[in-house]
Amino acid sequence: MKTYFLILRARPVPGNPNFGVVPGVSAYFWVRERRPDGAMRRARHYLKHQGWGLERIELDAMLSGPALHSWSENESAAYRKAQEFGISMFLK
């Protein structure tokens, strides 16, 4: 399994506490999957079940790792969470 990083632009849907308050967010994902298309499918599914609707893909799935990026402390924590649970989402 590899870890992929991707960014999806999303808006809150009815039932999400941010609906009508936040116009949209960039959802940063780290996903452990075999292939980039699998990582994208899994991230889209996770996004939907967290109460967000996909607007567009800001960054397609790409290989990720601490040596490949300069991350903030929160982003590094999200990467570690994906190593443990298989997926993590960080909203910006």
C-alpha atoms as a PDB file:
ATOM      1  CA  MET A   1       0.000   0.000   0.000  1.00  0.00           C
ATOM      2  CA  LYS A   2       1.127   3.512  -0.783  1.00  0.00           C
ATOM      3  CA  THR A   3       0.076   6.846   0.682  1.00  0.00           C
ATOM      4  CA  TYR A   4      -1.489   9.333  -1.720  1.00  0.00           C
ATOM      5  CA  PHE A   5      -2.163  13.028  -1.165  1.00  0.00           C
ATOM      6  CA  LEU A   6      -5.011  14.874  -2.892  1.00  0.00           C
ATOM      7  CA  ILE A   7      -7.095  18.019  -2.496  1.00  0.00           C
ATOM      8  CA  LEU A   8     -10.825  18.275  -3.161  1.00  0.00           C
ATOM      9  CA  ARG A   9     -12.837  21.503  -3.167  1.00  0.00           C
ATOM     10  CA  ALA A  10     -16.077  20.894  -1.249  1.00  0.00           C
ATOM     11  CA  ARG A  11     -19.155  22.668   0.047  1.00  0.00           C
ATOM     12  CA  PRO A  12     -21.268  21.718   3.073  1.00  0.00           C
ATOM     13  CA  VAL A  13     -24.559  19.965   2.323  1.00  0.00           C
ATOM     14  CA  PRO A  14     -27.800  20.167   4.351  1.00  0.00           C
ATOM     15  CA  GLY A  15     -27.291  18.407   7.671  1.00  0.00           C
ATOM     16  CA  ASN A  16     -23.676  19.585   7.950  1.00  0.00           C
ATOM     17  CA  PRO A  17     -23.378  22.170  10.794  1.00  0.00           C
ATOM     18  CA  ASN A  18     -21.421  24.396   8.391  1.00  0.00           C
ATOM     19  CA  PHE A  19     -24.268  24.496   5.829  1.00  0.00           C
ATOM     20  CA  GLY A  20     -25.225  28.121   5.145  1.00  0.00           C
ATOM     21  CA  VAL A  21     -22.231  29.346   7.170  1.00  0.00           C
ATOM     22  CA  VAL A  22     -19.148  28.235   5.243  1.00  0.00           C
ATOM     23  CA  PRO A  23     -19.273  28.590   1.445  1.00  0.00           C
ATOM     24  CA  GLY A  24     -16.628  25.955   0.815  1.00  0.00           C
ATOM     25  CA  VAL A  25     -13.324  24.426   1.874  1.00  0.00           C
ATOM     26  CA  SER A  26     -10.287  22.703   0.470  1.00  0.00           C
ATOM     27  CA  ALA A  27     -10.258  19.180   1.877  1.00  0.00           C
ATOM     28  CA  TYR A  28      -6.731  17.794   2.090  1.00  0.00           C
ATOM     29  CA  PHE A  29      -6.616  13.992   2.073  1.00  0.00           C
ATOM     30  CA  TRP A  30      -3.973  11.403   2.811  1.00  0.00           C
ATOM     31  CA  VAL A  31      -5.116   7.939   1.738  1.00  0.00           C
ATOM     32  CA  ARG A  32      -3.413   4.536   1.924  1.00  0.00           C
ATOM     33  CA  GLU A  33      -4.345   2.608  -1.213  1.00  0.00           C
ATOM     34  CA  ARG A  34      -2.799   0.463  -3.910  1.00  0.00           C
ATOM     35  CA  ARG A  35      -3.522   2.885  -6.761  1.00  0.00           C
ATOM     36  CA  PRO A  36      -4.250   6.623  -7.174  1.00  0.00           C
ATOM     37  CA  ASP A  37      -7.753   6.011  -8.604  1.00  0.00           C
ATOM     38  CA  GLY A  38      -8.597   3.937  -5.513  1.00  0.00           C
ATOM     39  CA  ALA A  39      -7.375   6.765  -3.291  1.00  0.00           C
ATOM     40  CA  MET A  40      -9.608   9.229  -5.156  1.00  0.00           C
ATOM     41  CA  ARG A  41     -12.684   6.982  -4.852  1.00  0.00           C
ATOM     42  CA  ARG A  42     -12.096   6.461  -1.158  1.00  0.00           C
ATOM     43  CA  ALA A  43     -11.579  10.188  -0.494  1.00  0.00           C
ATOM     44  CA  ARG A  44     -14.768  11.099  -2.388  1.00  0.00           C
ATOM     45  CA  HIS A  45     -16.737   8.517  -0.392  1.00  0.00           C
ATOM     46  CA  TYR A  46     -15.290   9.778   2.913  1.00  0.00           C
ATOM     47  CA  LEU A  47     -16.031  13.401   1.969  1.00  0.00           C
ATOM     48  CA  LYS A  48     -19.683  12.590   1.203  1.00  0.00           C
ATOM     49  CA  HIS A  49     -20.145  10.738   4.493  1.00  0.00           C
ATOM     50  CA  GLN A  50     -18.690  13.675   6.423  1.00  0.00           C
ATOM     51  CA  GLY A  51     -21.413  15.977   5.043  1.00  0.00           C
ATOM     52  CA  TRP A  52     -19.549  17.654   2.194  1.00  0.00           C
ATOM     53  CA  GLY A  53     -20.379  17.792  -1.502  1.00  0.00           C
ATOM     54  CA  LEU A  54     -17.617  17.661  -4.084  1.00  0.00           C
ATOM     55  CA  GLU A  55     -17.237  20.824  -6.177  1.00  0.00           C
ATOM     56  CA  ARG A  56     -14.043  19.960  -8.024  1.00  0.00           C
ATOM     57  CA  ILE A  57     -10.673  18.241  -7.809  1.00  0.00           C
ATOM     58  CA  GLU A  58      -7.978  20.762  -6.903  1.00  0.00           C
ATOM     59  CA  LEU A  59      -5.084  18.281  -6.899  1.00  0.00           C
ATOM     60  CA  ASP A  60      -5.291  14.750  -8.248  1.00  0.00           C
ATOM     61  CA  ALA A  61      -3.921  11.876  -6.173  1.00  0.00           C
ATOM     62  CA  MET A  62      -0.131  11.868  -6.022  1.00  0.00           C
ATOM     63  CA  LEU A  63       2.349   9.830  -4.001  1.00  0.00           C
ATOM     64  CA  SER A  64       3.034  11.363  -0.623  1.00  0.00           C
ATOM     65  CA  GLY A  65       5.458  11.095   2.245  1.00  0.00           C
ATOM     66  CA  PRO A  66       7.337  13.229   4.775  1.00  0.00           C
ATOM     67  CA  ALA A  67      10.412  13.412   2.541  1.00  0.00           C
ATOM     68  CA  LEU A  68       8.357  14.692  -0.407  1.00  0.00           C
ATOM     69  CA  HIS A  69       6.637  17.664   1.230  1.00  0.00           C
ATOM     70  CA  SER A  70       7.135  20.465   3.696  1.00  0.00           C
ATOM     71  CA  TRP A  71       4.081  20.223   5.941  1.00  0.00           C
ATOM     72  CA  SER A  72       2.677  22.098   8.890  1.00  0.00           C
ATOM     73  CA  GLU A  73       2.366  20.300  12.211  1.00  0.00           C
ATOM     74  CA  ASN A  74      -1.366  19.649  11.529  1.00  0.00           C
ATOM     75  CA  GLU A  75      -0.637  18.247   8.070  1.00  0.00           C
ATOM     76  CA  SER A  76       2.077  15.984   9.476  1.00  0.00           C
ATOM     77  CA  ALA A  77      -0.399  14.727  12.082  1.00  0.00           C
ATOM     78  CA  ALA A  78      -2.938  14.020   9.312  1.00  0.00           C
ATOM     79  CA  TYR A  79      -0.323  12.016   7.403  1.00  0.00           C
ATOM     80  CA  ARG A  80       0.428   9.947  10.538  1.00  0.00           C
ATOM     81  CA  LYS A  81      -3.305   9.392  11.099  1.00  0.00           C
ATOM     82  CA  ALA A  82      -3.607   8.000   7.562  1.00  0.00           C
ATOM     83  CA  GLN A  83      -0.768   5.571   8.307  1.00  0.00           C
ATOM     84  CA  GLU A  84      -2.760   4.256  11.259  1.00  0.00           C
ATOM     85  CA  PHE A  85      -6.353   4.396   9.943  1.00  0.00           C
ATOM     86  CA  GLY A  86      -5.930   4.343   6.168  1.00  0.00           C
ATOM     87  CA  ILE A  87      -7.376   7.818   5.520  1.00  0.00           C
ATOM     88  CA  SER A  88      -7.416  11.292   7.027  1.00  0.00           C
ATOM     89  CA  MET A  89      -8.959  14.608   6.030  1.00  0.00           C
ATOM     90  CA  PHE A  90      -7.764  18.101   6.968  1.00  0.00           C
ATOM     91  CA  LEU A  91      -9.997  21.075   6.080  1.00  0.00           C
ATOM     92  CA  LYS A  92      -8.546  24.437   5.078  1.00  0.00           C
END
